[in-house]
Structures are given as C-alpha cells and as structure tokens.
Amino acid sequence: MLGRSLSVGLVGLEGHLVEVEADVANGLPAFTLVGLPDAALTEARDRVRAASANAGCPLPSRRITVNLSPAALPKAGTAFDLAVAAALLAASGTVPAASVAGRVHLGELGLDGRVRPVRGVLPAVVAAVAAGRPRLVVPEANTLEARLVPGAEVTGVRHLLDVVALHRGEPPPSLEGVLPHGGRLLGDRVPHPSGKEASRPAPDLADVVGQPDGRHALEVAAVGGHHLLMVGPPGAGKTMLAERLPGLLPDLTQAAALEVTAVHSLAGTLDPDAGLRRRPPFENPHHTTTVAALVGGGSGIPRPGAASRAHRGVLFLDEAPEFGARALEALRQPLEHGQLVIQRAMGVARFPARFQLVMAANPCPCGMSGGKGDRCVCSPLSRRRYLGRLSGPLLDRVDLQVEVQAVSRAEMARATAPESTARVGARIRAARETAAVRFTGLPWACNADVPGAWLRGRWRLASGTTRDLDLAVDRGRLSIRGYDRVLRIAWSLADLAGRNVPDRDDVGQALLLRCRGAVAAA
C-alpha cells in the first residue's frame, strides 16, 4: 500500500514543497529512507517507529520504503518526522489517505509520540501557502508562529494521537496521563493567550552625555540608512551611541517584518509569543566570533549568522579591529548587495542581509592617542597597524567615519538636558517622509539604497555644489564608490534640514563625515 503526505524543505530561507511517499510491501521487515536525507533526518526511522508504537498504532512488520521527492533536493533536520509518520499511517490504513495527502505536516516526534517544536516553521509555512497548500499541521508550540502567515489554515498538535484523530475526523483525544509535565516539554514556552510579550524599554539617547559630533552622525545614519564607524578612546560613549540607533529607526513595514521574523525563525531565535518583529533587530557579536557565526554557514545546509539576523536592523561590531580579518572581509558582499550567498556541497543558500553596520574602534591599542595623546604609550607604527586591521576595501563601504572625543568635565556639568530618543526620532521621521516623497514610484526606501548611476545622472548636482567633492576625487582621496556615498550622505543632510536639494555646505559636511576630516585637511 502507498501513502502520501507533504512537508517543506528549507535551503537557506527558500522553502520547497516535498512530497513524502511511503510504501508498505511484503518482505522482510526493513525501513529504508531515501531522497538525500541528512543524518538527523535518517534517524527519523527509529523515532517514527517508536512513536507510532507508543501511540497505539504500530507500523506493520513489513518492508517499508519512504521516498522524499524531489529526490535531488537536499533535506535536513527533524521537521519531516511528522510527515513521514502521517504517510506511513495512511499506507498502513490507520488514517484516510486522502486526508493526509491534502495537508502539509511539520514537526519532530519524540519516542513517546509527542510532537516537538522545530526551527524554520514561519518560512516553511510561507512556502507552503505560496505553493497553494494552505492547510498545515504543526507542533502546538509553533502554532502562533505559523499563524503569522496570511492565508494559512493551521492546526496545532501535541501528540501523534492528535494527528490520527484529526485525519479521522474525530475530536481531539484526552491526553491525560499520556503526556508528562502537563502536556508540554520541559523548557518549552507556554504560549501567552494574547500572543504578545511585554515590550522592553529601549535605551534612550538622553543617557548619552555630550558627544555632539557622534550624536549628529548617528542621526544622519538613521535618516539615510548609512553605515557608521566611530573612532575614539575607551569610555567616550561609542557603545552607548550604537545601542541607541535601533530606537531611532522607524518600525518595519509588513513585508520587512515578515522577512525578519522568518530569518529569526530559521535561526531559532524567534519568540513566537511576541508576533511579528516590528522593530529593527540589533546584533552585537563578540570579537572572537567566527566567519560562520557572523555571516552564516556550518556543515551541510548553511544556517543564518549574525549578519542575517540583523537584516533590516543594526549589526554592531564593538572593538572592530579585534575581529578576525576573514570575518570582517566576509561582510563585503552583504554591505554591497544586501544578501549573503553561501555555497556548500549540499547546495546554495541565500539569506537576506540588508543591515546597517556600526563599528566602534579605539584609535590605538592602548586607546589613549586621541585628543592631546600625551597618555598614549603606543608607537606610531603600532597605531597604524591597529587601525590598519580595518582594510581599505571594507572602510570604502562605510559611509560615515567620525572621531568621538572623550567627554570633558564641562560637558558633564552642563545644565541642559541631552535630547531624548523621542525628540530626535521625530526629526528623523520628518526627514524620512521628505525622502519618501522623492522616492515615490521608485524601489528605494532610504538614501543609502540609491544607486550611484542615479545620483550622478538624473539627480546630478550642479558643478559648483560638488566642487570640493570633485577636487577630492582628482587628488585620489576618494574612490568612485566613496564619491557616491558622499552624495548619499549629502542628500540625507538635506532631508534633515528640510531642503529639496543638497547645497555646497551639505556636500562639504558630508565629505567631513565620510573621511574624519582627512580629505579636508589634505
């Protein structure tokens, strides 16, 4: 007898509908699983057999063959367990085959028949709905997450007995005494009835004392979506400024929120009780992080890293020169194209990675060469080598590069209270609204997304406005990429000031923000 069910295989963030075919034939008892399964999926043979037996519907002692189609697509993980079990129950006549074939099944099975939650349910449900299969069976712990997808008809199950009752059209059975710990796994979150989690207060910009240059650079970065490098002594407030950037950014759109939530679902960092991720994420990896942890990877099918988890948000690299050179250089592709393409023997995975990069660095190994520099004990060569760990090609992709000086006692004693996130955020929203009018009918959301050909073509500024910028290029102080990035900063400054077109002062200020004053001094 033959039974069929459906599941979803994920390669990166892209989901593929997988047909699970189960054949029960005469012959010596055996269980064969084919269709490029990984090690975890191959072990589903033992999990499914034990779960079925403990649920009171044992598999027949015959020759069992399960095929995962398309067979050429690599399949990984334990989310196929439930689909394999459903197909086998249909093949053995325990449940109607037509009911099983019409639903997508996702979930891992425990040996006692419990259905455990799995990663990547949200992108899997998105793929199933897009393929015209909106009826899904998922673990109860993943139900809220699955229902975030519009058009999905989701049924949550706790035990294999629930699946049997569902396909037979019977009411859910009482699992009293069947499931320990009140019917849930130890360590699982109990879904909140409201589906929402209490919001945590975001760090306020009013906590940052002084730092007018750093605050201004942060505001410009928030307006235009620009990358930012801050160089200054320890304790100057670089980390505090970076942590407050997400609070200045606007809420995510519906499409962006669904995309960000899908990435975190695949990474296993999603809190399903909180619903869609409406706020820009903030990732702050340690400087000892590996290349795979930063940009994604791993054996078999790659997993998303910190760069993808920061999609539509902020990726903060504190003590950036201490990061490994390979990890830093791996950020070039997402900085330029907004996505990561990771190739492995098992396939090619694509992850979105359109984030704002914020880096903080000391001016030298001891950190004291800023200002007068009389406390610095580093040699000139060691200073150059330290910041030289940030390569030229990487820095060329960072729009704003500013010096952050130590806060003086006079600034600490100043009676005027620093501006709050709410007040600065209001200016940023007004500036973004100005830019949105300019982007009407265009595919860009902020100035950092505008291609250079457009800036130098249709939006070309007058030669008198760009005179200082042209001179910097003639002297070899700026690349063409740097030229375009200065123009993007100038447009952000104009939006912040309420002007329709940047003037020469905007371009000059953008040049200073781009080059830490080095170009102007030259």
Protein backbone atom coordinates (compact mmCIF):
# COMPACT_ATOMS: atom_id res chain seq x y z
CA MET A 1 0.00 0.00 0.00
CA LEU A 2 1.13 3.55 -0.71
CA GLY A 3 0.58 6.66 1.41
CA ARG A 4 1.45 10.27 0.64
CA SER A 5 1.87 13.40 2.72
CA LEU A 6 3.54 16.79 2.28
CA SER A 7 6.28 18.69 4.08
CA VAL A 8 8.64 21.59 3.33
CA GLY A 9 12.41 21.51 2.88
CA LEU A 10 14.36 24.70 3.54
CA VAL A 11 17.53 25.66 1.68
CA GLY A 12 18.54 28.95 3.23
CA LEU A 13 15.36 30.98 3.57
CA GLU A 14 13.80 29.43 0.48
CA GLY A 15 11.24 26.67 1.06
CA HIS A 16 10.50 23.80 -1.32
CA LEU A 17 7.41 21.61 -1.12
CA VAL A 18 8.44 17.99 -0.51
CA GLU A 19 6.18 15.01 -1.21
CA VAL A 20 6.67 12.16 1.26
CA GLU A 21 5.79 8.79 -0.27
CA ALA A 22 5.55 5.74 1.98
CA ASP A 23 5.29 2.20 0.60
CA VAL A 24 4.45 -0.84 2.76
CA ALA A 25 5.25 -4.03 0.84
CA ASN A 26 5.68 -7.73 1.50
CA GLY A 27 9.16 -8.83 2.50
CA LEU A 28 11.49 -8.99 5.45
CA PRO A 29 10.96 -6.18 7.99
CA ALA A 30 13.06 -3.17 7.00
CA PHE A 31 12.79 0.63 6.97
CA THR A 32 14.53 2.47 4.12
CA LEU A 33 14.55 6.27 3.83
CA VAL A 34 15.70 7.76 0.51
CA GLY A 35 15.81 11.23 -1.08
CA LEU A 36 19.08 12.82 0.15
CA PRO A 37 18.29 12.95 3.90
CA ASP A 38 20.93 14.20 6.33
CA ALA A 39 21.94 12.30 9.47
CA ALA A 40 19.21 13.81 11.67
CA LEU A 41 16.53 13.01 9.10
CA THR A 42 17.84 9.47 8.54
CA GLU A 43 17.33 8.81 12.25
CA ALA A 44 13.62 9.54 11.75
CA ARG A 45 13.20 5.83 11.03
CA ASP A 46 13.71 4.97 14.70
CA ARG A 47 11.77 7.96 16.04
CA VAL A 48 8.73 7.29 13.84
CA ARG A 49 8.66 3.56 14.58
CA ALA A 50 8.88 4.08 18.35
CA ALA A 51 6.41 6.99 18.38
CA SER A 52 3.83 5.02 16.38
CA ALA A 53 4.13 2.00 18.66
CA ASN A 54 3.80 4.09 21.83
CA ALA A 55 0.79 5.94 20.38
CA GLY A 56 -1.06 2.64 19.93
CA CYS A 57 -0.78 2.48 16.14
CA PRO A 58 2.35 0.41 15.45
CA LEU A 59 3.79 0.16 11.98
CA PRO A 60 3.41 -3.22 10.24
CA SER A 61 6.35 -5.61 10.37
CA ARG A 62 6.90 -5.49 6.63
CA ARG A 63 9.27 -3.86 4.17
CA ILE A 64 8.86 -0.05 4.45
CA THR A 65 10.28 2.41 1.93
CA VAL A 66 9.92 6.19 2.34
CA ASN A 67 10.88 8.49 -0.51
CA LEU A 68 11.31 12.26 -0.18
CA SER A 69 10.58 13.88 -3.54
CA PRO A 70 12.17 15.71 -5.34
CA ALA A 71 14.95 13.26 -4.57
CA ALA A 72 17.72 15.59 -5.82
CA LEU A 73 16.89 18.28 -3.23
CA PRO A 74 18.98 18.01 -0.04
CA LYS A 75 16.82 17.63 3.05
CA ALA A 76 17.93 18.34 6.58
CA GLY A 77 16.50 18.41 10.07
CA THR A 78 13.82 16.69 12.08
CA ALA A 79 10.82 18.66 10.79
CA PHE A 80 9.99 15.81 8.36
CA ASP A 81 9.20 13.34 11.18
CA LEU A 82 5.50 14.15 11.31
CA ALA A 83 5.08 13.93 7.52
CA VAL A 84 6.85 10.56 7.43
CA ALA A 85 4.65 9.23 10.24
CA ALA A 86 1.46 10.52 8.61
CA ALA A 87 2.35 8.93 5.25
CA LEU A 88 3.08 5.60 6.94
CA LEU A 89 -0.16 5.69 8.90
CA ALA A 90 -2.00 6.32 5.63
CA ALA A 91 -0.14 3.49 3.90
CA SER A 92 -0.99 1.05 6.71
CA GLY A 93 -4.69 2.05 6.66
CA THR A 94 -4.72 3.65 10.11
CA VAL A 95 -5.92 7.03 8.75
CA PRO A 96 -7.61 8.01 5.45
CA ALA A 97 -5.02 8.54 2.72
CA ALA A 98 -6.94 11.43 1.11
CA SER A 99 -6.94 13.48 4.32
CA VAL A 100 -3.21 13.00 4.85
CA ALA A 101 -2.33 13.88 1.25
CA GLY A 102 -4.13 17.22 1.46
CA ARG A 103 -2.14 18.67 4.38
CA VAL A 104 1.43 19.82 4.98
CA HIS A 105 2.96 18.28 8.11
CA LEU A 106 5.82 19.83 10.10
CA GLY A 107 7.21 18.63 13.40
CA GLU A 108 9.65 16.39 15.24
CA LEU A 109 8.50 13.26 17.02
CA GLY A 110 9.55 12.07 20.45
CA LEU A 111 9.77 8.37 21.18
CA ASP A 112 6.58 8.57 23.26
CA GLY A 113 4.65 10.19 20.41
CA ARG A 114 4.94 13.80 21.49
CA VAL A 115 5.25 16.38 18.70
CA ARG A 116 8.17 18.66 19.41
CA PRO A 117 8.67 22.22 18.04
CA VAL A 118 11.13 22.80 15.20
CA ARG A 119 13.01 25.71 13.67
CA GLY A 120 12.02 27.49 10.48
CA VAL A 121 8.26 27.00 10.73
CA LEU A 122 7.49 30.53 9.51
CA PRO A 123 9.43 30.37 6.20
CA ALA A 124 8.13 26.82 5.70
CA VAL A 125 4.53 27.99 6.09
CA VAL A 126 5.20 30.91 3.73
CA ALA A 127 6.48 28.45 1.11
CA ALA A 128 3.52 26.10 1.58
CA VAL A 129 0.94 28.89 1.21
CA ALA A 130 2.77 30.24 -1.85
CA ALA A 131 2.64 26.73 -3.37
CA GLY A 132 -1.15 26.59 -2.90
CA ARG A 133 -1.10 24.31 0.16
CA PRO A 134 -2.51 26.46 2.98
CA ARG A 135 -3.66 23.56 5.26
CA LEU A 136 -0.88 22.72 7.72
CA VAL A 137 -0.33 20.58 10.79
CA VAL A 138 2.38 21.92 13.10
CA PRO A 139 3.53 21.39 16.70
CA GLU A 140 1.35 23.24 19.19
CA ALA A 141 4.39 25.22 20.38
CA ASN A 142 4.81 26.58 16.82
CA THR A 143 1.13 27.41 16.26
CA LEU A 144 1.32 31.14 16.97
CA GLU A 145 4.35 31.46 14.73
CA ALA A 146 2.66 29.60 11.86
CA ARG A 147 -0.49 31.71 12.11
CA LEU A 148 1.50 34.87 11.42
CA VAL A 149 1.36 33.97 7.72
CA PRO A 150 -1.76 35.36 5.99
CA GLY A 151 -3.95 32.68 4.42
CA ALA A 152 -2.54 29.76 6.42
CA GLU A 153 -5.01 27.26 7.94
CA VAL A 154 -3.01 25.94 10.89
CA THR A 155 -3.80 23.05 13.21
CA GLY A 156 -1.58 22.60 16.26
CA VAL A 157 -0.95 19.11 17.66
CA ARG A 158 0.74 17.88 20.83
CA HIS A 159 0.86 14.15 20.18
CA LEU A 160 0.69 11.69 17.31
CA LEU A 161 -2.74 10.69 18.65
CA ASP A 162 -3.93 14.23 17.81
CA VAL A 163 -2.81 13.68 14.22
CA VAL A 164 -4.67 10.38 14.00
CA ALA A 165 -7.86 11.95 15.39
CA LEU A 166 -7.55 14.94 13.02
CA HIS A 167 -7.38 12.80 9.90
CA ARG A 168 -10.15 10.50 11.08
CA GLY A 169 -12.40 13.49 11.72
CA GLU A 170 -12.66 12.67 15.42
CA PRO A 171 -12.46 15.12 18.35
CA PRO A 172 -9.02 15.56 19.92
CA PRO A 173 -8.36 12.77 22.41
CA SER A 174 -7.74 13.36 26.09
CA LEU A 175 -4.03 13.06 26.72
CA GLU A 176 -4.37 12.95 30.49
CA GLY A 177 -1.76 10.54 31.75
CA VAL A 178 -0.21 10.23 28.29
CA LEU A 179 1.80 13.45 28.30
CA PRO A 180 4.00 14.24 31.31
CA HIS A 181 4.64 17.73 32.69
CA GLY A 182 1.13 18.96 31.96
CA GLY A 183 1.32 18.13 28.27
CA ARG A 184 4.42 20.10 27.34
CA LEU A 185 8.13 19.56 27.14
CA LEU A 186 10.36 20.82 29.89
CA GLY A 187 11.88 24.11 28.80
CA ASP A 188 9.14 24.89 26.25
CA ARG A 189 7.47 28.27 26.45
CA VAL A 190 3.78 28.27 27.25
CA PRO A 191 2.09 30.46 24.59
CA HIS A 192 0.57 33.59 26.08
CA PRO A 193 -3.16 33.93 25.32
CA SER A 194 -2.71 37.43 23.91
CA GLY A 195 0.11 36.36 21.61
CA LYS A 196 2.14 39.37 22.73
CA GLU A 197 5.01 39.91 25.07
CA ALA A 198 5.52 42.96 27.27
CA SER A 199 7.76 45.38 25.41
CA ARG A 200 11.08 46.24 27.00
CA PRO A 201 12.09 49.90 27.16
CA ALA A 202 14.69 50.77 24.55
CA PRO A 203 17.86 52.64 25.59
CA ASP A 204 17.29 56.41 25.44
CA LEU A 205 19.61 58.84 23.70
CA ALA A 206 19.16 61.20 26.65
CA ASP A 207 21.51 58.92 28.62
CA VAL A 208 24.45 59.93 26.40
CA VAL A 209 26.34 62.91 27.83
CA GLY A 210 27.98 65.28 25.37
CA GLN A 211 29.22 63.84 22.07
CA PRO A 212 27.58 66.35 19.70
CA ASP A 213 29.54 65.02 16.71
CA GLY A 214 28.70 61.41 17.49
CA ARG A 215 25.04 62.20 18.08
CA HIS A 216 24.85 64.12 14.80
CA ALA A 217 26.48 61.25 12.89
CA LEU A 218 24.04 58.81 14.49
CA GLU A 219 21.12 60.98 13.43
CA VAL A 220 22.36 61.19 9.84
CA ALA A 221 22.90 57.42 9.80
CA ALA A 222 19.32 56.85 10.95
CA VAL A 223 17.92 59.23 8.32
CA GLY A 224 19.66 57.66 5.35
CA GLY A 225 20.38 54.09 6.49
CA HIS A 226 24.14 54.71 6.34
CA HIS A 227 26.92 52.55 7.77
CA LEU A 228 28.92 54.16 10.57
CA LEU A 229 32.42 53.92 12.06
CA MET A 230 33.20 55.67 15.35
CA VAL A 231 36.81 56.02 16.49
CA GLY A 232 37.54 57.27 19.99
CA PRO A 233 39.08 56.48 23.38
CA PRO A 234 37.56 53.95 25.80
CA GLY A 235 34.59 55.27 27.77
CA ALA A 236 33.75 58.04 25.33
CA GLY A 237 30.28 56.62 24.63
CA LYS A 238 30.69 54.77 21.33
CA THR A 239 28.83 51.68 22.50
CA MET A 240 26.06 53.74 24.11
CA LEU A 241 25.52 55.60 20.85
CA ALA A 242 25.42 52.41 18.80
CA GLU A 243 22.92 50.73 21.12
CA ARG A 244 20.54 53.66 20.68
CA LEU A 245 20.45 53.59 16.89
CA PRO A 246 17.67 50.94 16.62
CA GLY A 247 15.43 53.16 18.76
CA LEU A 248 15.80 55.97 16.21
CA LEU A 249 14.81 53.80 13.25
CA PRO A 250 11.15 53.57 12.14
CA ASP A 251 9.03 50.45 12.54
CA LEU A 252 9.37 47.76 9.90
CA THR A 253 6.81 47.50 7.13
CA GLN A 254 4.59 44.42 6.95
CA ALA A 255 6.74 42.79 4.25
CA ALA A 256 10.01 43.60 6.05
CA ALA A 257 8.62 42.37 9.39
CA LEU A 258 7.61 39.04 7.85
CA GLU A 259 11.05 38.66 6.26
CA VAL A 260 12.89 39.48 9.50
CA THR A 261 10.67 37.16 11.52
CA ALA A 262 11.30 34.34 9.03
CA VAL A 263 15.09 34.74 9.44
CA HIS A 264 14.83 34.56 13.22
CA SER A 265 12.52 31.55 12.97
CA LEU A 266 15.12 29.71 10.90
CA ALA A 267 17.89 30.77 13.28
CA GLY A 268 15.92 29.56 16.31
CA THR A 269 15.90 32.99 17.99
CA LEU A 270 12.25 33.84 17.44
CA ASP A 271 9.87 34.41 20.33
CA PRO A 272 6.56 33.35 18.76
CA ASP A 273 4.54 34.92 21.59
CA ALA A 274 5.67 38.39 20.51
CA GLY A 275 4.25 38.08 16.98
CA LEU A 276 5.97 39.68 14.01
CA ARG A 277 9.25 41.51 14.64
CA ARG A 278 8.05 45.08 14.12
CA ARG A 279 11.19 46.75 15.49
CA PRO A 280 14.59 46.68 13.75
CA PRO A 281 16.80 43.94 15.27
CA PHE A 282 20.13 44.65 16.95
CA GLU A 283 23.00 42.16 16.81
CA ASN A 284 26.20 42.66 18.82
CA PRO A 285 28.54 39.67 18.25
CA HIS A 286 31.73 39.29 20.29
CA HIS A 287 35.02 39.99 18.55
CA THR A 288 36.00 36.30 18.86
CA THR A 289 33.13 35.25 16.60
CA THR A 290 33.93 33.01 13.64
CA VAL A 291 33.18 33.66 9.98
CA ALA A 292 30.35 31.11 10.00
CA ALA A 293 28.79 32.66 13.12
CA LEU A 294 28.99 36.15 11.62
CA VAL A 295 27.78 35.60 8.06
CA GLY A 296 26.23 32.13 8.32
CA GLY A 297 27.35 28.66 7.33
CA GLY A 298 28.00 25.37 9.05
CA SER A 299 28.20 21.81 7.80
CA GLY A 300 25.54 20.57 5.40
CA ILE A 301 22.88 23.17 4.62
CA PRO A 302 24.04 26.60 5.92
CA ARG A 303 22.30 28.45 8.74
CA PRO A 304 21.93 32.24 9.07
CA GLY A 305 24.54 34.16 11.05
CA ALA A 306 24.54 37.46 12.92
CA ALA A 307 24.60 39.47 9.67
CA SER A 308 21.31 37.91 8.52
CA ARG A 309 19.74 38.14 11.98
CA ALA A 310 20.49 41.88 11.78
CA HIS A 311 18.56 42.17 8.49
CA ARG A 312 16.62 45.46 8.39
CA GLY A 313 18.32 46.43 11.64
CA VAL A 314 21.77 47.13 13.08
CA LEU A 315 24.90 44.96 13.18
CA PHE A 316 27.27 46.42 15.79
CA LEU A 317 30.92 45.38 15.89
CA ASP A 318 32.43 46.69 19.10
CA GLU A 319 36.24 46.81 19.11
CA ALA A 320 36.10 46.19 15.36
CA PRO A 321 39.91 45.90 14.83
CA GLU A 322 39.92 42.92 17.22
CA PHE A 323 37.70 40.89 14.86
CA GLY A 324 39.40 38.37 12.61
CA ALA A 325 40.39 39.65 9.18
CA ARG A 326 38.46 36.88 7.40
CA ALA A 327 35.30 37.65 9.35
CA LEU A 328 35.50 41.36 8.56
CA GLU A 329 36.20 40.82 4.87
CA ALA A 330 33.25 38.42 4.65
CA LEU A 331 30.99 41.43 5.24
CA ARG A 332 31.89 43.00 1.90
CA GLN A 333 29.24 41.10 -0.07
CA PRO A 334 26.24 41.93 2.17
CA LEU A 335 27.37 45.55 2.51
CA GLU A 336 27.33 45.91 -1.26
CA HIS A 337 24.39 43.69 -2.29
CA GLY A 338 22.21 43.28 0.82
CA GLN A 339 22.27 39.48 0.77
CA LEU A 340 24.57 36.57 1.54
CA VAL A 341 25.10 33.73 -0.93
CA ILE A 342 26.72 30.74 0.81
CA GLN A 343 27.77 27.79 -1.32
CA ARG A 344 28.23 24.34 0.12
CA ALA A 345 28.44 20.84 -1.35
CA MET A 346 24.81 20.24 -0.32
CA GLY A 347 23.55 23.34 -2.13
CA VAL A 348 23.48 27.12 -2.31
CA ALA A 349 21.73 29.09 0.44
CA ARG A 350 20.71 32.74 0.14
CA PHE A 351 19.99 34.85 3.20
CA PRO A 352 18.87 38.50 3.27
CA ALA A 353 21.40 40.75 4.99
CA ARG A 354 20.48 44.39 4.38
CA PHE A 355 21.64 45.79 7.71
CA GLN A 356 23.27 48.97 8.98
CA LEU A 357 26.84 48.26 10.01
CA VAL A 358 28.08 50.21 13.03
CA MET A 359 31.70 49.74 14.08
CA ALA A 360 33.48 51.16 17.12
CA ALA A 361 37.25 51.26 17.44
CA ASN A 362 39.91 52.69 19.69
CA PRO A 363 42.45 54.95 17.96
CA CYS A 364 45.34 52.71 19.01
CA PRO A 365 45.99 49.50 21.04
CA CYS A 366 46.06 51.37 24.36
CA GLY A 367 43.19 53.62 23.27
CA MET A 368 44.72 56.87 24.54
CA SER A 369 46.08 58.51 21.39
CA GLY A 370 43.00 60.70 20.94
CA GLY A 371 42.99 64.36 21.97
CA LYS A 372 46.43 65.50 23.10
CA GLY A 373 47.68 61.93 23.03
CA ASP A 374 50.08 62.56 25.92
CA ARG A 375 48.93 59.38 27.73
CA CYS A 376 49.45 57.08 24.75
CA VAL A 377 52.28 54.54 25.06
CA CYS A 378 51.93 53.12 21.53
CA SER A 379 54.49 53.66 18.80
CA PRO A 380 53.40 55.33 15.54
CA LEU A 381 53.86 52.01 13.75
CA SER A 382 51.60 50.13 16.18
CA ARG A 383 48.92 52.81 15.80
CA ARG A 384 48.93 52.47 12.02
CA ARG A 385 48.88 48.68 12.24
CA TYR A 386 45.98 48.70 14.70
CA LEU A 387 43.52 50.68 12.57
CA GLY A 388 45.06 49.04 9.50
CA ARG A 389 43.24 45.86 10.52
CA LEU A 390 40.18 47.55 9.04
CA SER A 391 41.06 47.17 5.38
CA GLY A 392 40.64 49.89 2.80
CA PRO A 393 38.01 47.97 0.76
CA LEU A 394 35.91 47.47 3.90
CA LEU A 395 36.17 51.10 5.02
CA ASP A 396 35.34 52.24 1.50
CA ARG A 397 31.90 50.69 2.03
CA VAL A 398 31.30 52.55 5.32
CA ASP A 399 29.56 55.85 4.67
CA LEU A 400 30.15 57.77 7.92
CA GLN A 401 33.53 57.75 9.67
CA VAL A 402 33.71 60.08 12.67
CA GLU A 403 36.02 60.86 15.58
CA VAL A 404 34.46 60.59 19.05
CA GLN A 405 36.36 62.55 21.70
CA ALA A 406 36.39 61.94 25.44
CA VAL A 407 33.70 63.82 27.37
CA SER A 408 35.07 66.81 29.29
CA ARG A 409 34.11 67.84 32.80
CA ALA A 410 32.43 70.96 31.43
CA GLU A 411 30.14 68.84 29.25
CA MET A 412 29.26 66.66 32.24
CA ALA A 413 28.34 69.72 34.30
CA ARG A 414 26.24 71.32 31.56
CA ALA A 415 22.73 72.04 32.86
CA THR A 416 20.96 71.49 29.52
CA ALA A 417 19.49 68.00 29.32
CA PRO A 418 20.54 65.97 26.26
CA GLU A 419 17.92 65.40 23.58
CA SER A 420 15.89 62.22 24.01
CA THR A 421 15.31 59.45 21.50
CA ALA A 422 11.70 60.61 21.07
CA ARG A 423 12.71 64.14 20.11
CA VAL A 424 15.49 63.08 17.73
CA GLY A 425 13.26 60.34 16.32
CA ALA A 426 10.63 62.94 15.39
CA ARG A 427 13.20 64.79 13.27
CA ILE A 428 14.27 61.53 11.66
CA ARG A 429 10.69 60.63 10.78
CA ALA A 430 10.17 64.05 9.20
CA ALA A 431 13.37 63.66 7.17
CA ARG A 432 12.37 60.18 6.02
CA GLU A 433 8.98 61.49 4.96
CA THR A 434 10.76 64.10 2.83
CA ALA A 435 12.83 61.34 1.23
CA ALA A 436 9.74 59.16 0.75
CA VAL A 437 8.16 61.87 -1.40
CA ARG A 438 11.29 61.87 -3.58
CA PHE A 439 11.21 58.06 -3.80
CA THR A 440 7.59 57.91 -4.97
CA GLY A 441 7.37 55.30 -7.70
CA LEU A 442 10.98 54.20 -7.09
CA PRO A 443 12.13 50.94 -5.46
CA TRP A 444 14.26 52.52 -2.70
CA ALA A 445 13.39 53.13 0.93
CA CYS A 446 16.31 55.34 2.03
CA ASN A 447 19.22 57.29 0.59
CA ALA A 448 21.75 54.51 1.21
CA ASP A 449 19.87 52.34 -1.33
CA VAL A 450 20.02 54.81 -4.23
CA PRO A 451 22.45 53.58 -6.94
CA GLY A 452 25.36 55.79 -7.90
CA ALA A 453 24.32 55.98 -11.55
CA TRP A 454 21.09 57.65 -10.46
CA LEU A 455 22.91 60.12 -8.18
CA ARG A 456 25.33 61.08 -10.95
CA GLY A 457 22.64 61.04 -13.62
CA ARG A 458 19.06 62.12 -13.06
CA TRP A 459 19.79 63.63 -9.63
CA ARG A 460 23.11 65.16 -10.65
CA LEU A 461 24.01 68.25 -8.62
CA ALA A 462 25.43 71.44 -10.09
CA SER A 463 29.20 71.53 -10.62
CA GLY A 464 29.53 74.37 -8.12
CA THR A 465 27.82 72.29 -5.46
CA THR A 466 30.15 69.30 -5.89
CA ARG A 467 33.38 71.31 -6.39
CA ASP A 468 35.03 70.12 -3.15
CA LEU A 469 33.97 66.54 -3.86
CA ASP A 470 35.36 66.63 -7.40
CA LEU A 471 38.65 68.00 -6.08
CA ALA A 472 38.92 65.14 -3.56
CA VAL A 473 38.49 62.61 -6.38
CA ASP A 474 41.08 64.38 -8.57
CA ARG A 475 43.60 64.20 -5.71
CA GLY A 476 42.97 60.48 -5.28
CA ARG A 477 41.43 60.89 -1.82
CA LEU A 478 38.12 59.29 -2.81
CA SER A 479 37.14 56.34 -4.98
CA ILE A 480 34.08 56.42 -7.21
CA ARG A 481 32.30 54.35 -4.58
CA GLY A 482 33.29 56.93 -1.97
CA TYR A 483 32.09 59.72 -4.27
CA ASP A 484 28.64 58.12 -4.49
CA ARG A 485 28.49 57.57 -0.74
CA VAL A 486 29.27 61.22 -0.05
CA LEU A 487 26.42 62.19 -2.35
CA ARG A 488 24.07 59.89 -0.42
CA ILE A 489 25.13 61.50 2.86
CA ALA A 490 24.56 64.95 1.34
CA TRP A 491 21.01 64.01 0.40
CA SER A 492 20.41 62.79 3.96
CA LEU A 493 21.72 66.07 5.36
CA ALA A 494 19.40 67.97 3.02
CA ASP A 495 16.43 65.86 4.12
CA LEU A 496 17.31 66.51 7.75
CA ALA A 497 17.42 70.26 7.07
CA GLY A 498 14.17 70.20 5.07
CA ARG A 499 15.81 71.14 1.75
CA ASN A 500 14.73 69.62 -1.54
CA VAL A 501 18.27 69.54 -2.99
CA PRO A 502 21.68 69.46 -1.22
CA ASP A 503 23.77 72.63 -1.35
CA ARG A 504 27.55 73.02 -1.23
CA ASP A 505 27.55 73.11 2.59
CA ASP A 506 25.73 69.76 2.66
CA VAL A 507 28.32 68.23 0.33
CA GLY A 508 31.19 69.68 2.38
CA GLN A 509 29.75 68.41 5.63
CA ALA A 510 29.13 65.01 4.04
CA LEU A 511 32.77 64.92 2.98
CA LEU A 512 33.88 65.57 6.57
CA LEU A 513 31.53 62.90 7.92
CA ARG A 514 32.82 60.45 5.35
CA CYS A 515 36.55 60.93 5.84
CA ARG A 516 37.00 62.00 9.50
CA GLY A 517 38.36 65.33 8.25
CA ALA A 518 41.29 63.73 6.42
CA VAL A 519 40.21 64.91 2.99
CA ALA A 520 39.53 68.45 4.15
CA ALA A 521 42.92 68.63 5.85
CA ALA A 522 44.61 67.44 2.67
